[in-house]
Amino acid sequence: MADMTILDPAEMRPAAEKQAAPAGAGQTAAPRPPASKSFLDSFFQITKRGSTLAREFRGGIVTFFTMAYIVILNPLILGGFSAENAPTDVAGGWLPAAQVGAVTGLTAGVMTIVFGLVANLPFGLAAGLGINSFLAVAVIQDVTWPEAMGLVVINGILIVLFGATGARTAIFRAVPKELKAAITVGIGLFIAFIGFVDSGFVRPTKGGPPVQLGNDGSITSIPTLVFIIGLLVMGILVARKIQGGLLIGIVATTALAAVVEAVMHIGPGSADNPGGWHLNVPVLAGQLVSMPDLGLVGQFDLFGSFSRIGGLAATMLVFTLVFTNFFDAMGTMTGLAKSAGVAHKDGTFPKLKSAFIVEGLGAVAGGATSGSSNTVYIDSAAGIGEGARTGLASVVTGVLFLGSMFFTPLTSVVPLEVAASALVVVGAMMMAQIREIKFSKFSIALPAFLTIVTMPLTYSIANGIGVGFISFAVISAASGRGRKVHPLMWVVTAGFIIYFARGPINALMGV
């Protein structure tokens, strides 16, 4: 992403390399002492990665504002204000929305800071939307909330073990570079599609095609119009290489949204108000500062589900969690590392093993606090697009998440439509990686294409990776190139086949 619009190669060189040439021919210029670096610069390698303190802080702020919706959305998915409007478990238990919101901010803040300090990468972590929905819709039909969170903890422990033993790194290295590039491109399309859907620019139809432009092919919603304005403003600022373009665009469009709401009183979207704001209304409402309720911390039952539904059924649930968590995060980190310009030619990146271990700990922490598994967020690409290249940006994002526990009303001022504008702009940036794919070789072109299109069409990074892996292995073997497929790719391919067929398998086993 850096070679597109954010960083010019000349800007990435340390200042000492930009000195003028010696004044006279044959005259040797006296060597200049290297400029002293601050502790932050040395610890996070800011100058070495071609960034600045200002870029890291701006990037961290942008990442937070594009991720802040999870502090509001996660309580809506997992909890409620009473048993009547909350997902209830098999025993009738439910999670209070205020407590879910508090632990969401707490876990995201702590894990994002740890990730920044340990892995030194500008990635934000928070409750994964795929897994929290899976818990609320499917898992608690058979187990209690504490037991479900115990399964999440077990899932995280397994992922940590995969990372610590090097198994996850080995699988990562076994993936062909073209598929890694396809993963990045697919994620770009995915986050752009998320932005289109969240803004109402793309909506489902009542009949006919699965999706359509706005309502019946027209833009009829004021919040969607705000999204379009934000998209154009951010696009212009980035195209003109304005420092802080995304952040300026988010702030300016949020101000516009607040003015529009104050004048027109649009209100939240609902069946009766389809033209309302998608998630949160851009107004400063309620008490500005409140103490967080952390009563859910530690409320998990590690092995209760095994005794309630049996070892086989519980194991299949853990398998689903691990596969989703494992490959969603691996694909996301692949794309983000390439966008940040820190990936090597083979797709790996600095402190790869540490990143995998900390991401696994995020799943453990999410289950232990009942906020659901925490994982790396593709929304971090917005901060990277702003110039973030190091873990300092993650520390900034994490501190803001911790602050969000006390300032929830302030966090909710930025409407989802504004964050959606940033996602679409960043999605366009990530498309640049498509140049790494050799579409002239169809044995590569088809798996790469399937990887790219499956992610947005199925709303899952893991699904896209799985389809790409299976098609690559099968096509390579059938075309006489089976030896080029790494043995670990075959193992993972077999795992994905089981993953995709888990419904019929569960039925056959009576699970």
Protein backbone atom coordinates (compact mmCIF):
# COMPACT_ATOMS: atom_id res chain seq x y z
CA MET A 1 0.00 0.00 0.00
CA ALA A 2 2.90 2.35 0.75
CA ASP A 3 3.95 2.59 -2.89
CA MET A 4 0.48 3.80 -3.94
CA THR A 5 -0.28 7.05 -2.24
CA ILE A 6 0.70 7.07 1.39
CA LEU A 7 4.47 7.02 1.42
CA ASP A 8 6.82 8.09 -1.30
CA PRO A 9 10.02 5.98 -1.41
CA ALA A 10 12.07 9.11 -0.89
CA GLU A 11 10.09 9.90 2.22
CA MET A 12 10.86 6.48 3.65
CA ARG A 13 14.61 7.09 3.76
CA PRO A 14 16.08 8.30 7.03
CA ALA A 15 16.90 11.97 7.06
CA ALA A 16 20.64 11.27 7.11
CA GLU A 17 20.38 9.70 3.63
CA LYS A 18 18.79 12.83 2.16
CA GLN A 19 21.76 15.15 2.72
CA ALA A 20 23.00 17.20 -0.20
CA ALA A 21 26.03 16.01 -2.20
CA PRO A 22 29.48 17.34 -1.25
CA ALA A 23 29.97 20.93 -2.26
CA GLY A 24 33.22 20.61 -4.19
CA ALA A 25 34.77 18.05 -6.51
CA GLY A 26 37.40 15.95 -4.82
CA GLN A 27 36.39 17.35 -1.48
CA THR A 28 35.42 14.86 1.16
CA ALA A 29 32.45 15.87 3.23
CA ALA A 30 32.90 15.48 6.94
CA PRO A 31 30.73 12.63 8.23
CA ARG A 32 27.76 13.82 10.18
CA PRO A 33 26.90 12.12 13.45
CA PRO A 34 23.65 10.14 13.25
CA ALA A 35 20.66 11.95 14.65
CA SER A 36 19.78 10.76 18.11
CA LYS A 37 16.60 8.70 18.24
CA SER A 38 13.97 8.81 20.90
CA PHE A 39 13.14 5.73 22.95
CA LEU A 40 9.86 5.28 21.04
CA ASP A 41 11.66 5.52 17.69
CA SER A 42 14.26 2.94 18.70
CA PHE A 43 11.85 0.53 20.39
CA PHE A 44 9.26 0.50 17.58
CA GLN A 45 11.76 1.02 14.71
CA ILE A 46 9.68 3.91 13.44
CA THR A 47 12.31 5.58 11.26
CA LYS A 48 13.61 2.23 10.04
CA ARG A 49 10.17 1.42 8.66
CA GLY A 50 9.86 4.78 6.99
CA SER A 51 7.29 6.23 9.37
CA THR A 52 7.09 9.08 11.87
CA LEU A 53 5.61 9.56 15.32
CA ALA A 54 2.86 11.69 13.82
CA ARG A 55 1.91 9.01 11.31
CA GLU A 56 1.82 6.34 14.00
CA PHE A 57 -0.43 8.40 16.25
CA ARG A 58 -2.72 9.34 13.38
CA GLY A 59 -2.83 5.75 12.19
CA GLY A 60 -3.68 4.49 15.67
CA ILE A 61 -6.51 7.02 16.01
CA VAL A 62 -7.93 6.15 12.58
CA THR A 63 -7.83 2.43 13.35
CA PHE A 64 -9.69 3.03 16.60
CA PHE A 65 -12.44 5.06 14.95
CA THR A 66 -12.92 2.45 12.22
CA MET A 67 -13.07 -0.30 14.88
CA ALA A 68 -14.96 1.56 17.60
CA TYR A 69 -18.30 0.24 16.37
CA ILE A 70 -17.47 -3.13 17.99
CA VAL A 71 -17.89 -1.56 21.45
CA ILE A 72 -21.51 -0.87 20.47
CA LEU A 73 -22.18 -3.83 18.18
CA ASN A 74 -20.77 -6.64 20.34
CA PRO A 75 -23.23 -5.96 23.21
CA LEU A 76 -26.07 -5.96 20.68
CA ILE A 77 -24.99 -9.40 19.39
CA LEU A 78 -24.12 -11.10 22.67
CA GLY A 79 -26.23 -9.26 25.23
CA GLY A 80 -29.29 -7.20 25.95
CA PHE A 81 -31.00 -5.10 28.59
CA SER A 82 -33.24 -7.93 29.75
CA ALA A 83 -33.84 -11.63 29.12
CA GLU A 84 -36.59 -10.66 26.67
CA ASN A 85 -34.29 -8.82 24.24
CA ALA A 86 -31.05 -10.78 24.74
CA PRO A 87 -29.84 -14.11 23.31
CA THR A 88 -30.63 -16.60 26.07
CA ASP A 89 -28.71 -19.81 26.56
CA VAL A 90 -29.99 -23.35 27.09
CA ALA A 91 -30.55 -22.59 30.77
CA GLY A 92 -32.21 -19.21 30.20
CA GLY A 93 -29.09 -17.20 31.07
CA TRP A 94 -28.18 -13.94 29.31
CA LEU A 95 -25.41 -11.33 29.27
CA PRO A 96 -26.14 -7.70 30.30
CA ALA A 97 -25.31 -5.37 27.40
CA ALA A 98 -23.52 -2.82 29.61
CA GLN A 99 -21.19 -5.48 30.98
CA VAL A 100 -20.50 -6.86 27.48
CA GLY A 101 -19.63 -3.36 26.29
CA ALA A 102 -17.23 -2.85 29.19
CA VAL A 103 -15.34 -6.13 28.67
CA THR A 104 -15.29 -5.54 24.91
CA GLY A 105 -13.38 -2.30 25.39
CA LEU A 106 -11.19 -3.77 28.14
CA THR A 107 -10.09 -6.86 26.21
CA ALA A 108 -9.61 -5.01 22.91
CA GLY A 109 -7.54 -2.37 24.67
CA VAL A 110 -5.28 -4.73 26.59
CA MET A 111 -4.72 -7.18 23.72
CA THR A 112 -4.10 -4.45 21.13
CA ILE A 113 -1.51 -2.83 23.39
CA VAL A 114 0.17 -6.21 24.04
CA PHE A 115 0.17 -6.96 20.32
CA GLY A 116 1.79 -3.62 19.55
CA LEU A 117 4.48 -4.05 22.20
CA VAL A 118 5.28 -7.70 21.42
CA ALA A 119 4.69 -8.03 17.67
CA ASN A 120 5.42 -4.39 16.74
CA LEU A 121 2.77 -4.35 14.03
CA PRO A 122 -0.03 -1.79 13.50
CA PHE A 123 -2.88 -4.28 13.93
CA GLY A 124 -5.87 -3.76 16.22
CA LEU A 125 -7.56 -6.66 18.03
CA ALA A 126 -11.18 -6.89 19.18
CA ALA A 127 -14.06 -9.34 19.44
CA GLY A 128 -14.39 -11.19 16.14
CA LEU A 129 -17.77 -10.69 14.50
CA GLY A 130 -17.93 -14.17 13.00
CA ILE A 131 -17.35 -16.02 16.23
CA ASN A 132 -19.57 -13.83 18.42
CA SER A 133 -22.46 -14.34 16.01
CA PHE A 134 -21.79 -18.09 15.94
CA LEU A 135 -21.92 -18.17 19.74
CA ALA A 136 -25.13 -16.14 19.97
CA VAL A 137 -27.00 -17.95 17.20
CA ALA A 138 -25.85 -21.56 17.43
CA VAL A 139 -23.64 -22.52 20.39
CA ILE A 140 -25.84 -21.28 23.26
CA GLN A 141 -28.72 -23.36 21.93
CA ASP A 142 -26.93 -26.33 23.50
CA VAL A 143 -24.77 -24.89 26.31
CA THR A 144 -24.80 -22.00 28.77
CA TRP A 145 -22.98 -18.72 28.19
CA PRO A 146 -20.18 -19.58 30.68
CA GLU A 147 -19.75 -22.97 28.97
CA ALA A 148 -19.70 -21.34 25.54
CA MET A 149 -16.99 -18.95 26.69
CA GLY A 150 -15.09 -21.93 28.08
CA LEU A 151 -15.04 -23.37 24.55
CA VAL A 152 -13.66 -20.05 23.31
CA VAL A 153 -10.86 -20.25 25.90
CA ILE A 154 -10.00 -23.82 24.80
CA ASN A 155 -9.98 -22.62 21.19
CA GLY A 156 -7.54 -19.86 22.14
CA ILE A 157 -5.25 -22.23 24.05
CA LEU A 158 -5.03 -24.50 21.00
CA ILE A 159 -4.22 -21.55 18.74
CA VAL A 160 -1.49 -20.41 21.16
CA LEU A 161 -0.01 -23.92 21.07
CA PHE A 162 -0.09 -23.92 17.27
CA GLY A 163 1.76 -20.61 17.32
CA ALA A 164 4.27 -21.53 20.02
CA THR A 165 5.22 -24.87 18.43
CA GLY A 166 5.72 -23.26 15.03
CA ALA A 167 2.89 -25.24 13.40
CA ARG A 168 1.03 -22.08 12.45
CA THR A 169 4.17 -20.49 11.01
CA ALA A 170 4.92 -23.66 9.01
CA ILE A 171 1.43 -23.64 7.50
CA PHE A 172 1.81 -19.95 6.70
CA ARG A 173 5.10 -20.56 4.88
CA ALA A 174 3.60 -23.47 2.92
CA VAL A 175 1.06 -21.22 1.22
CA PRO A 176 2.17 -20.13 -2.31
CA LYS A 177 2.91 -16.43 -2.62
CA GLU A 178 0.22 -16.02 -5.29
CA LEU A 179 -2.43 -17.28 -2.88
CA LYS A 180 -1.12 -14.93 -0.20
CA ALA A 181 -1.52 -12.05 -2.65
CA ALA A 182 -5.02 -13.30 -3.50
CA ILE A 183 -5.88 -13.31 0.20
CA THR A 184 -4.86 -9.65 0.44
CA VAL A 185 -6.92 -8.71 -2.60
CA GLY A 186 -9.89 -10.73 -1.34
CA ILE A 187 -9.74 -8.96 2.01
CA GLY A 188 -9.69 -5.63 0.16
CA LEU A 189 -12.88 -6.55 -1.69
CA PHE A 190 -14.34 -7.94 1.53
CA ILE A 191 -13.86 -4.80 3.59
CA ALA A 192 -15.10 -2.65 0.71
CA PHE A 193 -18.21 -4.82 0.50
CA ILE A 194 -18.67 -4.51 4.26
CA GLY A 195 -18.48 -0.74 3.84
CA PHE A 196 -21.07 -0.78 1.05
CA VAL A 197 -23.46 -2.93 3.10
CA ASP A 198 -22.98 -1.05 6.38
CA SER A 199 -23.68 2.24 4.65
CA GLY A 200 -26.82 1.04 2.86
CA PHE A 201 -25.16 1.67 -0.52
CA VAL A 202 -25.75 -2.04 -1.20
CA ARG A 203 -28.90 -3.68 0.14
CA PRO A 204 -30.62 -7.06 -0.23
CA THR A 205 -33.55 -7.33 -2.60
CA LYS A 206 -36.96 -8.74 -1.79
CA GLY A 207 -36.73 -10.91 -4.89
CA GLY A 208 -34.42 -11.38 -7.84
CA PRO A 209 -30.69 -10.55 -7.46
CA PRO A 210 -29.20 -11.07 -3.96
CA VAL A 211 -28.15 -7.41 -3.69
CA GLN A 212 -28.99 -4.09 -5.27
CA LEU A 213 -27.94 -0.45 -5.22
CA GLY A 214 -29.69 1.31 -2.33
CA ASN A 215 -33.46 0.95 -2.40
CA ASP A 216 -34.77 -0.40 -5.72
CA GLY A 217 -31.66 0.86 -7.49
CA SER A 218 -31.73 4.38 -6.03
CA ILE A 219 -29.98 6.17 -3.18
CA THR A 220 -32.89 7.26 -0.98
CA SER A 221 -31.22 7.38 2.44
CA ILE A 222 -29.55 10.50 3.87
CA PRO A 223 -27.03 8.39 5.87
CA THR A 224 -26.03 6.64 2.63
CA LEU A 225 -25.55 10.05 1.02
CA VAL A 226 -23.27 10.98 3.95
CA PHE A 227 -21.31 7.79 3.23
CA ILE A 228 -20.88 8.79 -0.42
CA ILE A 229 -19.72 12.27 0.54
CA GLY A 230 -17.28 10.80 3.05
CA LEU A 231 -15.98 8.35 0.44
CA LEU A 232 -15.34 11.14 -2.05
CA VAL A 233 -13.76 13.44 0.55
CA MET A 234 -11.41 10.73 1.82
CA GLY A 235 -10.61 9.61 -1.72
CA ILE A 236 -9.70 13.14 -2.78
CA LEU A 237 -7.55 13.73 0.31
CA VAL A 238 -5.68 10.44 -0.17
CA ALA A 239 -5.27 11.04 -3.92
CA ARG A 240 -3.77 14.44 -3.17
CA LYS A 241 -1.45 12.80 -0.60
CA ILE A 242 -2.72 15.00 2.23
CA GLN A 243 -1.16 13.82 5.48
CA GLY A 244 -3.89 12.59 7.78
CA GLY A 245 -6.34 12.37 4.87
CA LEU A 246 -8.38 9.50 6.31
CA LEU A 247 -8.50 11.01 9.79
CA ILE A 248 -9.47 14.41 8.42
CA GLY A 249 -12.15 12.75 6.33
CA ILE A 250 -13.55 10.82 9.31
CA VAL A 251 -13.71 13.92 11.51
CA ALA A 252 -15.18 16.13 8.78
CA THR A 253 -17.81 13.59 7.72
CA THR A 254 -18.75 12.88 11.34
CA ALA A 255 -19.29 16.62 11.85
CA LEU A 256 -21.46 16.68 8.72
CA ALA A 257 -23.43 13.68 9.98
CA ALA A 258 -24.00 15.35 13.36
CA VAL A 259 -25.27 18.53 11.68
CA VAL A 260 -27.56 16.51 9.40
CA GLU A 261 -29.00 14.62 12.37
CA ALA A 262 -29.49 17.79 14.40
CA VAL A 263 -31.42 19.41 11.54
CA MET A 264 -33.36 16.44 10.13
CA HIS A 265 -33.76 14.16 13.20
CA ILE A 266 -33.28 11.00 11.12
CA GLY A 267 -32.93 8.62 14.05
CA PRO A 268 -31.83 4.98 14.13
CA GLY A 269 -32.69 2.63 11.31
CA SER A 270 -35.50 0.11 11.84
CA ALA A 271 -38.32 -1.62 10.00
CA ASP A 272 -40.38 1.53 10.49
CA ASN A 273 -37.48 3.82 9.64
CA PRO A 274 -35.47 2.12 6.85
CA GLY A 275 -33.73 5.39 6.02
CA GLY A 276 -32.22 5.80 9.49
CA TRP A 277 -28.62 5.46 10.63
CA HIS A 278 -27.36 1.88 10.37
CA LEU A 279 -26.12 1.33 13.93
CA ASN A 280 -25.47 4.44 16.01
CA VAL A 281 -26.93 7.91 15.65
CA PRO A 282 -24.32 10.74 15.48
CA VAL A 283 -25.40 12.56 18.61
CA LEU A 284 -23.79 12.95 22.01
CA ALA A 285 -26.40 11.39 24.25
CA GLY A 286 -26.56 10.27 27.86
CA GLN A 287 -23.93 10.59 30.55
CA LEU A 288 -20.57 11.41 29.00
CA VAL A 289 -18.46 9.56 31.57
CA SER A 290 -19.50 6.34 33.33
CA MET A 291 -17.69 3.68 35.32
CA PRO A 292 -17.45 0.34 33.48
CA ASP A 293 -19.07 -2.76 34.98
CA LEU A 294 -16.54 -5.62 34.68
CA GLY A 295 -18.72 -8.23 36.35
CA LEU A 296 -18.32 -10.69 33.44
CA VAL A 297 -14.56 -11.06 33.87
CA GLY A 298 -13.76 -14.65 34.82
CA GLN A 299 -17.33 -15.91 34.27
CA PHE A 300 -16.49 -18.94 32.13
CA ASP A 301 -16.75 -22.71 32.58
CA LEU A 302 -13.82 -24.43 30.88
CA PHE A 303 -15.14 -28.00 30.59
CA GLY A 304 -18.83 -27.69 31.44
CA SER A 305 -19.94 -28.10 27.82
CA PHE A 306 -18.25 -31.52 27.57
CA SER A 307 -20.37 -32.90 30.38
CA ARG A 308 -23.54 -31.17 29.14
CA ILE A 309 -23.52 -32.18 25.44
CA GLY A 310 -20.82 -34.86 25.33
CA GLY A 311 -17.20 -34.91 24.22
CA LEU A 312 -17.87 -35.42 20.49
CA ALA A 313 -20.33 -32.54 20.13
CA ALA A 314 -18.14 -30.21 22.19
CA THR A 315 -15.07 -31.20 20.16
CA MET A 316 -16.84 -30.36 16.87
CA LEU A 317 -17.74 -26.93 18.26
CA VAL A 318 -14.10 -26.36 19.24
CA PHE A 319 -12.97 -27.53 15.78
CA THR A 320 -15.25 -24.97 14.14
CA LEU A 321 -14.01 -22.19 16.42
CA VAL A 322 -10.34 -23.06 15.85
CA PHE A 323 -10.64 -23.27 12.07
CA THR A 324 -12.52 -20.00 11.82
CA ASN A 325 -10.20 -18.19 14.24
CA PHE A 326 -6.99 -19.69 12.85
CA PHE A 327 -7.45 -18.90 9.18
CA ASP A 328 -9.42 -15.67 9.52
CA ALA A 329 -6.55 -14.20 11.53
CA MET A 330 -3.84 -15.68 9.30
CA GLY A 331 -5.46 -14.25 6.19
CA THR A 332 -6.06 -10.88 7.81
CA MET A 333 -2.46 -10.56 9.00
CA THR A 334 -1.20 -11.55 5.55
CA GLY A 335 -3.15 -8.76 3.92
CA LEU A 336 -2.33 -6.16 6.54
CA ALA A 337 1.40 -6.93 6.52
CA LYS A 338 1.52 -6.52 2.75
CA SER A 339 -0.42 -3.28 2.95
CA ALA A 340 1.93 -1.95 5.62
CA GLY A 341 4.95 -2.75 3.47
CA VAL A 342 6.54 -4.93 6.17
CA ALA A 343 5.99 -8.29 4.44
CA HIS A 344 8.91 -10.15 2.90
CA LYS A 345 8.83 -11.57 -0.63
CA ASP A 346 7.48 -14.90 0.63
CA GLY A 347 4.64 -13.15 2.44
CA THR A 348 6.07 -13.56 5.95
CA PHE A 349 6.63 -10.56 8.17
CA PRO A 350 8.72 -9.57 11.23
CA LYS A 351 7.89 -11.31 14.52
CA LEU A 352 5.51 -13.67 12.76
CA LYS A 353 5.56 -16.27 15.54
CA SER A 354 5.01 -13.66 18.25
CA ALA A 355 2.08 -12.22 16.33
CA PHE A 356 0.44 -15.64 16.06
CA ILE A 357 0.91 -16.34 19.78
CA VAL A 358 -0.48 -12.97 20.92
CA GLU A 359 -3.45 -13.32 18.55
CA GLY A 360 -4.17 -16.71 20.15
CA LEU A 361 -3.98 -15.12 23.59
CA GLY A 362 -6.62 -12.68 22.36
CA ALA A 363 -8.99 -15.60 21.94
CA VAL A 364 -8.19 -16.82 25.46
CA ALA A 365 -8.71 -13.34 26.91
CA GLY A 366 -11.96 -12.85 25.02
CA GLY A 367 -13.40 -16.07 26.39
CA ALA A 368 -12.15 -15.37 29.91
CA THR A 369 -13.91 -11.98 29.93
CA SER A 370 -17.09 -13.24 28.17
CA GLY A 371 -16.61 -10.76 25.32
CA SER A 372 -15.94 -13.49 22.71
CA SER A 373 -12.68 -14.37 20.96
CA ASN A 374 -10.51 -11.37 20.14
CA THR A 375 -8.71 -11.41 16.82
CA VAL A 376 -6.90 -9.10 14.41
CA TYR A 377 -9.28 -6.72 12.62
CA ILE A 378 -9.19 -6.04 8.91
CA ASP A 379 -10.33 -2.52 9.81
CA SER A 380 -6.71 -1.93 10.89
CA ALA A 381 -6.05 -1.37 7.20
CA ALA A 382 -7.52 2.11 7.63
CA GLY A 383 -4.76 3.07 10.08
CA ILE A 384 -2.17 1.52 7.78
CA GLY A 385 -3.58 3.59 4.95
CA GLU A 386 -3.02 6.63 7.16
CA GLY A 387 0.68 5.73 7.40
CA ALA A 388 0.95 3.45 10.46
CA ARG A 389 3.79 0.95 10.15
CA THR A 390 4.68 -0.09 13.72
CA GLY A 391 3.22 -1.32 16.97
CA LEU A 392 3.09 2.22 18.35
CA ALA A 393 -0.10 2.73 16.35
CA SER A 394 -1.55 -0.37 18.04
CA VAL A 395 -0.65 1.01 21.46
CA VAL A 396 -2.49 4.24 20.61
CA THR A 397 -5.51 2.24 19.40
CA GLY A 398 -5.43 0.10 22.55
CA VAL A 399 -5.30 3.09 24.88
CA LEU A 400 -8.31 4.58 23.12
CA PHE A 401 -10.19 1.28 23.51
CA LEU A 402 -9.48 1.36 27.24
CA GLY A 403 -10.77 4.91 27.33
CA SER A 404 -13.90 3.84 25.47
CA MET A 405 -15.00 1.93 28.58
CA PHE A 406 -15.51 5.30 30.28
CA PHE A 407 -16.63 7.35 27.26
CA THR A 408 -19.09 5.12 25.44
CA PRO A 409 -21.38 8.04 24.37
CA LEU A 410 -18.39 9.85 22.83
CA THR A 411 -17.32 6.68 21.01
CA SER A 412 -20.76 6.28 19.48
CA VAL A 413 -20.76 9.72 17.86
CA VAL A 414 -18.97 8.41 14.74
CA PRO A 415 -21.73 6.71 12.71
CA LEU A 416 -21.07 3.41 10.98
CA GLU A 417 -21.63 5.09 7.61
CA VAL A 418 -18.53 7.24 8.16
CA ALA A 419 -16.37 4.27 9.14
CA ALA A 420 -17.70 2.51 6.04
CA SER A 421 -16.29 5.27 3.81
CA ALA A 422 -12.80 4.63 5.19
CA LEU A 423 -13.16 0.88 4.64
CA VAL A 424 -14.00 1.31 0.96
CA VAL A 425 -11.04 3.65 0.39
CA VAL A 426 -8.68 1.18 2.08
CA GLY A 427 -10.19 -1.72 0.14
CA ALA A 428 -9.25 0.08 -3.07
CA MET A 429 -5.68 0.47 -1.79
CA MET A 430 -5.36 -3.25 -1.03
CA MET A 431 -6.35 -4.16 -4.58
CA ALA A 432 -2.84 -3.16 -5.69
CA GLN A 433 -1.58 -6.60 -4.61
CA ILE A 434 -3.38 -8.18 -7.56
CA ARG A 435 -0.27 -7.44 -9.64
CA GLU A 436 1.52 -10.24 -7.75
CA ILE A 437 -0.79 -12.89 -9.25
CA LYS A 438 0.16 -14.50 -12.59
CA PHE A 439 -3.23 -14.80 -14.24
CA SER A 440 -1.55 -16.17 -17.37
CA LYS A 441 -1.16 -19.50 -15.49
CA PHE A 442 -4.68 -20.84 -15.04
CA SER A 443 -3.60 -23.34 -12.39
CA ILE A 444 -2.86 -20.27 -10.28
CA ALA A 445 -5.46 -17.92 -11.75
CA LEU A 446 -8.52 -20.00 -10.82
CA PRO A 447 -7.59 -20.68 -7.15
CA ALA A 448 -6.59 -17.03 -6.75
CA PHE A 449 -9.83 -15.86 -8.33
CA LEU A 450 -11.91 -18.18 -6.16
CA THR A 451 -10.09 -16.97 -3.05
CA ILE A 452 -10.77 -13.34 -3.98
CA VAL A 453 -14.47 -13.62 -4.82
CA THR A 454 -15.46 -16.13 -2.13
CA MET A 455 -14.52 -13.80 0.75
CA PRO A 456 -17.00 -11.00 -0.01
CA LEU A 457 -19.66 -13.31 -1.41
CA THR A 458 -19.73 -15.55 1.68
CA TYR A 459 -18.79 -12.81 4.17
CA SER A 460 -15.90 -14.91 5.47
CA ILE A 461 -12.13 -14.71 5.11
CA ALA A 462 -11.76 -18.34 6.21
CA ASN A 463 -14.15 -19.55 3.50
CA GLY A 464 -12.14 -17.75 0.83
CA ILE A 465 -8.88 -19.27 2.08
CA GLY A 466 -10.45 -22.74 2.21
CA VAL A 467 -11.85 -22.60 -1.31
CA GLY A 468 -8.53 -21.32 -2.61
CA PHE A 469 -6.50 -24.01 -0.84
CA ILE A 470 -8.73 -26.88 -1.99
CA SER A 471 -8.90 -25.72 -5.61
CA PHE A 472 -5.13 -25.10 -5.74
CA ALA A 473 -4.30 -28.56 -4.38
CA VAL A 474 -6.78 -30.42 -6.59
CA ILE A 475 -5.95 -28.54 -9.80
CA SER A 476 -2.21 -28.84 -9.20
CA ALA A 477 -2.47 -32.60 -8.62
CA ALA A 478 -4.77 -33.18 -11.61
CA SER A 479 -2.53 -31.18 -13.95
CA GLY A 480 0.63 -33.07 -13.00
CA ARG A 481 1.99 -30.46 -10.57
CA GLY A 482 1.16 -32.31 -7.36
CA ARG A 483 4.78 -32.22 -6.19
CA LYS A 484 4.61 -28.43 -6.04
CA VAL A 485 1.94 -28.65 -3.36
CA HIS A 486 3.55 -28.56 0.08
CA PRO A 487 2.57 -31.57 2.27
CA LEU A 488 1.12 -29.18 4.87
CA MET A 489 -1.16 -27.76 2.18
CA TRP A 490 -2.65 -31.23 1.76
CA VAL A 491 -3.19 -31.52 5.50
CA VAL A 492 -4.90 -28.14 5.67
CA THR A 493 -6.93 -28.94 2.54
CA ALA A 494 -8.24 -32.10 4.22
CA GLY A 495 -9.11 -30.04 7.28
CA PHE A 496 -11.02 -27.52 5.17
CA ILE A 497 -12.99 -30.30 3.48
CA ILE A 498 -14.07 -31.49 6.93
CA TYR A 499 -14.81 -27.88 7.91
CA PHE A 500 -17.06 -27.30 4.89
CA ALA A 501 -18.81 -30.64 5.40
CA ARG A 502 -19.25 -30.29 9.16
CA GLY A 503 -23.05 -30.00 8.88
CA PRO A 504 -23.58 -33.40 7.22
CA ILE A 505 -20.84 -34.91 9.42
CA ASN A 506 -22.60 -33.68 12.56
CA ALA A 507 -25.88 -35.11 11.24
CA LEU A 508 -24.32 -38.50 10.55
CA MET A 509 -22.77 -38.60 14.01
CA GLY A 510 -26.01 -37.52 15.61
CA VAL A 511 -24.39 -34.41 17.05
